[in-house]
């Protein structure tokens, strides 16, 4: 772990592979991270991220807890795009 990551909550008790650089994708949550930066090159990724939850939400007989999780994902995407001024 480098000095820039000291104190990062997402890295608490994390197993970081030797030589790994960058975010741990299973732990990284840019919408709630004060260290996160959203650049123009990330906008297509976040915009595309809306399509999967929207498609799944449109499915028939979706359990309420799954719908709630998809709504949370969509809210996170909306927050990130709002932060980027989109």
Protein backbone atom coordinates (compact mmCIF):
# COMPACT_ATOMS: atom_id res chain seq x y z
CA UNK A 1 0.00 0.00 0.00
CA UNK A 2 1.39 3.42 -0.85
CA UNK A 3 1.29 6.43 1.50
CA UNK A 4 -1.55 8.06 -0.48
CA UNK A 5 -3.89 5.23 0.50
CA UNK A 6 -3.20 5.38 4.24
CA UNK A 7 -6.47 5.84 6.09
CA UNK A 8 -8.63 4.85 3.12
CA UNK A 9 -11.66 3.06 4.59
CA UNK A 10 -12.01 0.89 1.50
CA UNK A 11 -8.62 -0.65 2.24
CA UNK A 12 -9.28 -1.57 5.87
CA UNK A 13 -8.67 -5.31 6.27
CA UNK A 14 -8.19 -5.63 2.50
CA UNK A 15 -5.84 -8.14 0.93
CA UNK A 16 -3.90 -6.16 -1.67
CA UNK A 17 -2.03 -8.35 -4.16
CA UNK A 18 1.69 -7.66 -4.23
CA UNK A 19 2.51 -5.06 -6.87
CA UNK A 20 -1.13 -4.04 -7.38
CA UNK A 21 -1.73 -0.39 -8.25
CA UNK A 22 -5.05 1.39 -8.49
CA UNK A 23 -8.43 0.77 -6.92
CA UNK A 24 -9.64 -2.54 -5.61
CA UNK A 25 -12.70 -2.74 -7.80
CA UNK A 26 -14.70 -4.89 -5.39
CA UNK A 27 -14.24 -2.23 -2.68
CA UNK A 28 -13.98 1.05 -4.58
CA UNK A 29 -17.13 3.20 -4.33
CA UNK A 30 -16.37 6.55 -6.01
CA UNK A 31 -19.75 8.01 -5.13
CA UNK A 32 -18.89 7.94 -1.42
CA UNK A 33 -15.12 8.45 -1.58
CA UNK A 34 -13.69 11.89 -0.94
CA UNK A 35 -10.45 10.78 -2.62
CA UNK A 36 -12.20 9.85 -5.86
CA UNK A 37 -11.81 11.92 -9.00
CA UNK A 38 -14.17 11.61 -11.96
CA UNK A 39 -12.53 12.61 -15.22
CA UNK A 40 -13.99 13.04 -18.70
CA UNK A 41 -12.63 9.64 -19.70
CA UNK A 42 -14.82 8.03 -17.02
CA UNK A 43 -18.12 9.53 -18.21
CA UNK A 44 -18.83 6.91 -20.91
CA UNK A 45 -18.35 4.17 -18.31
CA UNK A 46 -20.77 5.76 -15.85
CA UNK A 47 -23.28 6.54 -18.58
CA UNK A 48 -23.17 2.94 -19.80
CA UNK A 49 -23.53 1.75 -16.21
CA UNK A 50 -27.17 2.90 -16.27
CA UNK A 51 -28.22 0.45 -18.98
CA UNK A 52 -27.81 -2.83 -17.09
CA UNK A 53 -29.80 -1.91 -13.96
CA UNK A 54 -32.49 -0.27 -16.11
CA UNK A 55 -32.77 -3.41 -18.24
CA UNK A 56 -32.95 -5.67 -15.20
CA UNK A 57 -35.55 -3.42 -13.51
CA UNK A 58 -37.79 -3.80 -16.55
CA UNK A 59 -37.95 -7.57 -16.06
CA UNK A 60 -41.17 -9.23 -14.94
CA UNK A 61 -41.71 -10.38 -11.34
CA UNK A 62 -38.60 -8.79 -9.91
CA UNK A 63 -38.34 -9.36 -6.13
CA UNK A 64 -38.62 -6.17 -4.07
CA UNK A 65 -35.16 -6.56 -2.52
CA UNK A 66 -33.55 -6.95 -5.97
CA UNK A 67 -35.45 -3.90 -7.26
CA UNK A 68 -34.20 -1.95 -4.23
CA UNK A 69 -30.59 -2.94 -4.95
CA UNK A 70 -30.95 -1.91 -8.60
CA UNK A 71 -32.45 1.42 -7.52
CA UNK A 72 -29.44 1.99 -5.25
CA UNK A 73 -27.10 1.28 -8.18
CA UNK A 74 -29.01 3.72 -10.37
CA UNK A 75 -28.87 6.37 -7.64
CA UNK A 76 -25.10 5.93 -7.38
CA UNK A 77 -24.71 6.37 -11.13
CA UNK A 78 -26.94 9.46 -11.07
CA UNK A 79 -24.86 10.92 -8.24
CA UNK A 80 -21.61 10.38 -10.12
CA UNK A 81 -22.99 11.93 -13.30
CA UNK A 82 -24.33 14.87 -11.28
CA UNK A 83 -20.88 15.38 -9.73
CA UNK A 84 -19.49 15.49 -13.25
CA UNK A 85 -22.05 18.09 -14.32
CA UNK A 86 -23.88 15.72 -16.69
